[in-house]
Amino acid sequence: MDAGYGSVSVPRIQLKSEVTHCTPRRATAIERAVLMVARRLAVEPAWQELSLAGFFERYLQVPDPAPLIEHSLDELRSVGLVKVDTSISAGQVRIGQLAISTDSGAAPLDDELVPTKPRQDIVFHQWDPIRSKLERTGGVARGGRPEASHLAAEVFRDAYPGVLVRQSVTQEDHAWRRSRTLVKGVRELGRIIIWSSARL
């Protein structure tokens, strides 16, 4: 007896996503010293009035440290590790005016790593919303027309598998990804519906 098997068009959704990421780097010797001072000495009254430049000259034997300090402070401040009044010149900053940013966490200090400024890159995936599967693709594919019998893609119009995209990106081989790369966020930039036939 014929069971009446047929086929139905099912949607595959081609996703274009933007990934925000950063790759921590090794801190320079000057940066490590600034972080140590900000973390350990800035809270000690005996050290708070001494200038950072004076500390480098007297205790670390660094001549004319202001230019080096200025560059390091700019870097550490730009990635949110250190707080310091930008109106004060690097040569005049006192140790007591330094503070570790509570938003950045302690991991970069423990590992002697500092975060870099976030970057954005584009990735493409094909999402099967029925099976909740995601596959990386090389670029944009053309959308097709569904057969007479098809599942409504409108159901998934506002759905974006952000968790799947993020997990997938951390395991994929991208030119910008390194072993220490941190994915800060993903967001959808566009989508195309691709129809394929599935047997019932």
Foldseek 3Di string as FASTA:
>chain_A
DDPPKDKWKEKKKKFKKKWKKWFWDAADPLLLVLLCLQVPVLPPPVQQAAAPVNCCCPPVVDPPCQVVQQVSVVQCVVQQQKDADPVDRNRRHGSNRIHGGPVPDCVCNVVNIGIHDIDMDMFIWIARVVVRDIGGDDDDDAADDTDPHYDDPVVCVPPDPFVNVLVVVLPDDDPPDDPRMDTPGMDTDDMGIHIDMDMD
